């Protein structure tokens, strides 16, 4: 899996990873996430995508169905280092998967694709961290966030919406401060 972060700032995901039980994250999970995110990114950008492994097609179809049923306008799509956003004050970086408006919600929101069907409370902090980054880096301010849980069988994805991004941002910034405080003591 190719991952690039030239900012020298830890990512939202890395910061929150200390609060996640990663023993369930196998190499296959990373491989699946990479293929699925790439395919959905290409779909949202309207560009060709290579044929994914058969076992990931359902996840991709699930995301495409969710996008077709829900998204009105795409405002930003994760696109390598060109969308790596930074918060120099709080010293972190990140790449939201998608910023869009919905057919039922004309105000922008930040969307994160998930290939895990089990919900994690950490996802709310991840969305809030991305929300802060899009505001600070000149993208349209989001009013909500959604973790979109893609389904292996191709059925339309499930969504967990966060409307109080301000509160979740406070939790994320506290987690970030603790992470930086104790990480810097050991490194």
Protein backbone atom coordinates (compact mmCIF):
# COMPACT_ATOMS: atom_id res chain seq x y z
CA UNK A 1 0.00 0.00 0.00
CA UNK A 2 1.37 3.39 -1.00
CA UNK A 3 1.04 6.13 1.60
CA UNK A 4 2.64 9.52 1.33
CA UNK A 5 2.91 12.21 3.99
CA UNK A 6 5.58 14.78 3.26
CA UNK A 7 4.35 17.22 5.91
CA UNK A 8 6.38 15.72 8.79
CA UNK A 9 3.17 16.05 10.84
CA UNK A 10 1.41 12.98 12.19
CA UNK A 11 -1.91 12.16 10.53
CA UNK A 12 -5.34 12.16 12.12
CA UNK A 13 -5.40 8.37 11.73
CA UNK A 14 -1.99 7.88 13.33
CA UNK A 15 -2.90 10.10 16.29
CA UNK A 16 -6.12 8.20 16.93
CA UNK A 17 -4.53 4.78 16.35
CA UNK A 18 -3.27 4.72 19.95
CA UNK A 19 -6.94 4.62 21.02
CA UNK A 20 -7.85 1.69 18.76
CA UNK A 21 -7.40 -2.03 19.30
CA UNK A 22 -5.39 -2.75 16.15
CA UNK A 23 -4.92 -6.47 16.72
CA UNK A 24 -7.78 -7.05 14.27
CA UNK A 25 -6.08 -5.01 11.52
CA UNK A 26 -4.34 -7.50 9.30
CA UNK A 27 -2.23 -6.86 6.23
CA UNK A 28 -5.27 -7.96 4.21
CA UNK A 29 -7.36 -5.22 5.87
CA UNK A 30 -4.82 -2.61 4.76
CA UNK A 31 -4.70 -4.06 1.24
CA UNK A 32 -8.52 -4.07 1.04
CA UNK A 33 -8.77 -0.51 2.35
CA UNK A 34 -6.22 0.71 -0.18
CA UNK A 35 -8.00 -0.91 -3.16
CA UNK A 36 -11.46 0.16 -2.08
CA UNK A 37 -10.48 3.76 -1.27
CA UNK A 38 -8.62 4.04 -4.57
CA UNK A 39 -11.56 2.73 -6.59
CA UNK A 40 -14.04 5.05 -4.84
CA UNK A 41 -11.69 8.02 -5.25
CA UNK A 42 -11.45 7.28 -8.98
CA UNK A 43 -15.22 6.85 -9.23
CA UNK A 44 -15.81 10.23 -7.54
CA UNK A 45 -13.23 11.89 -9.80
CA UNK A 46 -14.81 10.23 -12.84
CA UNK A 47 -11.63 8.51 -13.95
CA UNK A 48 -10.83 4.95 -14.92
CA UNK A 49 -9.94 2.52 -12.17
CA UNK A 50 -8.11 -0.78 -12.58
CA UNK A 51 -10.11 -3.94 -11.97
CA UNK A 52 -10.05 -4.67 -8.23
CA UNK A 53 -9.61 -8.12 -6.73
CA UNK A 54 -12.91 -10.03 -6.83
CA UNK A 55 -13.26 -10.08 -3.02
CA UNK A 56 -13.33 -6.23 -2.88
CA UNK A 57 -15.90 -5.58 -5.61
CA UNK A 58 -18.83 -5.66 -3.18
CA UNK A 59 -17.31 -2.94 -0.99
CA UNK A 60 -16.75 -0.75 -4.04
CA UNK A 61 -20.26 -1.32 -5.38
CA UNK A 62 -21.63 -0.50 -1.91
CA UNK A 63 -19.85 2.87 -1.96
CA UNK A 64 -20.90 3.63 -5.53
CA UNK A 65 -24.54 2.90 -4.65
CA UNK A 66 -24.31 5.13 -1.57
CA UNK A 67 -22.77 7.93 -3.63
CA UNK A 68 -25.38 7.64 -6.40
CA UNK A 69 -28.27 7.62 -3.91
CA UNK A 70 -26.99 10.37 -1.63
CA UNK A 71 -24.39 12.74 -3.09
CA UNK A 72 -25.57 15.88 -4.86
CA UNK A 73 -22.23 17.62 -5.45
CA UNK A 74 -18.63 16.58 -4.87
CA UNK A 75 -16.50 19.44 -3.54
CA UNK A 76 -13.22 17.64 -2.81
CA UNK A 77 -11.83 14.13 -3.21
CA UNK A 78 -8.73 12.68 -1.58
CA UNK A 79 -6.00 12.91 -4.17
CA UNK A 80 -2.53 12.07 -2.91
CA UNK A 81 -0.27 14.79 -1.52
CA UNK A 82 -2.34 17.44 -3.31
CA UNK A 83 -5.04 17.05 -0.67
CA UNK A 84 -2.85 16.47 2.39
CA UNK A 85 -4.10 19.23 4.63
CA UNK A 86 -2.28 20.61 7.67
CA UNK A 87 -3.05 22.32 10.94
CA UNK A 88 0.24 24.00 11.86
CA UNK A 89 -1.05 25.21 15.24
CA UNK A 90 -2.15 21.78 16.49
CA UNK A 91 0.56 20.06 14.43
CA UNK A 92 -1.30 17.36 12.51
CA UNK A 93 -2.26 16.52 8.94
CA UNK A 94 -4.84 14.48 7.09
CA UNK A 95 -6.72 13.66 3.91
CA UNK A 96 -10.51 13.52 4.00
CA UNK A 97 -11.88 10.91 1.61
CA UNK A 98 -14.66 13.14 0.33
CA UNK A 99 -16.27 16.53 0.94
CA UNK A 100 -19.71 16.77 -0.63
CA UNK A 101 -23.29 17.96 -0.35
CA UNK A 102 -26.11 15.46 -0.12
CA UNK A 103 -29.42 15.40 -1.95
CA UNK A 104 -31.21 15.84 1.38
CA UNK A 105 -28.61 18.21 2.87
CA UNK A 106 -27.40 21.11 0.71
CA UNK A 107 -24.70 22.08 3.22
CA UNK A 108 -21.26 20.47 2.80
CA UNK A 109 -20.13 17.50 4.85
CA UNK A 110 -16.99 15.42 5.29
CA UNK A 111 -17.26 11.72 4.41
CA UNK A 112 -14.92 8.89 5.35
CA UNK A 113 -15.14 5.45 3.74
CA UNK A 114 -14.91 2.47 6.11
CA UNK A 115 -14.39 -1.15 5.10
CA UNK A 116 -15.10 -2.29 8.65
CA UNK A 117 -18.77 -2.90 9.37
CA UNK A 118 -18.28 -2.53 13.16
CA UNK A 119 -18.65 1.10 14.29
CA UNK A 120 -15.85 2.76 16.25
CA UNK A 121 -16.30 5.88 18.40
CA UNK A 122 -12.88 7.02 17.19
CA UNK A 123 -14.42 7.65 13.76
CA UNK A 124 -16.21 10.74 15.13
CA UNK A 125 -12.89 12.21 16.19
CA UNK A 126 -11.43 11.39 12.80
CA UNK A 127 -14.24 13.23 11.03
CA UNK A 128 -13.83 16.22 13.35
CA UNK A 129 -10.08 16.33 12.72
CA UNK A 130 -10.77 16.36 8.97
CA UNK A 131 -13.46 19.00 9.42
CA UNK A 132 -10.96 21.28 11.12
CA UNK A 133 -8.44 20.68 8.34
CA UNK A 134 -10.85 21.53 5.52
CA UNK A 135 -11.83 24.78 7.28
CA UNK A 136 -8.20 25.78 7.83
CA UNK A 137 -7.14 24.97 4.28
CA UNK A 138 -9.72 26.95 2.32
CA UNK A 139 -12.30 24.29 1.50
CA UNK A 140 -16.02 24.84 2.13
CA UNK A 141 -16.85 24.50 5.82
CA UNK A 142 -18.64 21.25 6.59
CA UNK A 143 -21.73 21.17 8.77
CA UNK A 144 -21.76 17.43 9.37
CA UNK A 145 -19.65 14.32 8.98
CA UNK A 146 -20.43 10.75 8.00
CA UNK A 147 -18.56 7.50 8.40
CA UNK A 148 -19.83 5.41 5.50
CA UNK A 149 -19.54 1.70 6.28
CA UNK A 150 -19.18 -0.21 3.03
CA UNK A 151 -20.71 -3.67 2.75
CA UNK A 152 -18.84 -6.67 1.45
CA UNK A 153 -21.95 -8.03 -0.31
CA UNK A 154 -22.44 -4.87 -2.40
CA UNK A 155 -25.61 -3.64 -0.71
CA UNK A 156 -25.84 0.10 -0.16
CA UNK A 157 -23.47 1.32 2.57
CA UNK A 158 -24.54 2.24 6.09
CA UNK A 159 -23.92 5.76 7.39
CA UNK A 160 -23.14 7.10 10.83
CA UNK A 161 -23.66 10.86 10.87
CA UNK A 162 -22.03 13.30 13.29
CA UNK A 163 -23.73 16.66 13.60
CA UNK A 164 -21.82 18.08 16.56
CA UNK A 165 -18.40 18.32 14.95
CA UNK A 166 -17.43 21.10 17.34
CA UNK A 167 -17.72 18.83 20.38
CA UNK A 168 -15.96 15.96 18.59
CA UNK A 169 -13.18 18.35 17.58
CA UNK A 170 -12.54 19.15 21.23
CA UNK A 171 -12.19 15.44 21.97
CA UNK A 172 -9.87 15.00 19.00
CA UNK A 173 -7.69 17.99 19.95
CA UNK A 174 -7.42 16.62 23.50
CA UNK A 175 -6.38 13.23 22.10
CA UNK A 176 -3.90 14.97 19.80
CA UNK A 177 -2.41 16.96 22.67
CA UNK A 178 -2.01 13.82 24.80
CA UNK A 179 -0.55 11.91 21.86
CA UNK A 180 2.02 14.64 21.12
CA UNK A 181 2.88 15.17 24.79
CA UNK A 182 3.64 11.53 25.53
CA UNK A 183 4.96 10.56 22.08
CA UNK A 184 7.51 13.36 22.20
CA UNK A 185 8.64 12.17 25.63
CA UNK A 186 9.54 8.74 24.25
CA UNK A 187 11.05 9.72 20.90
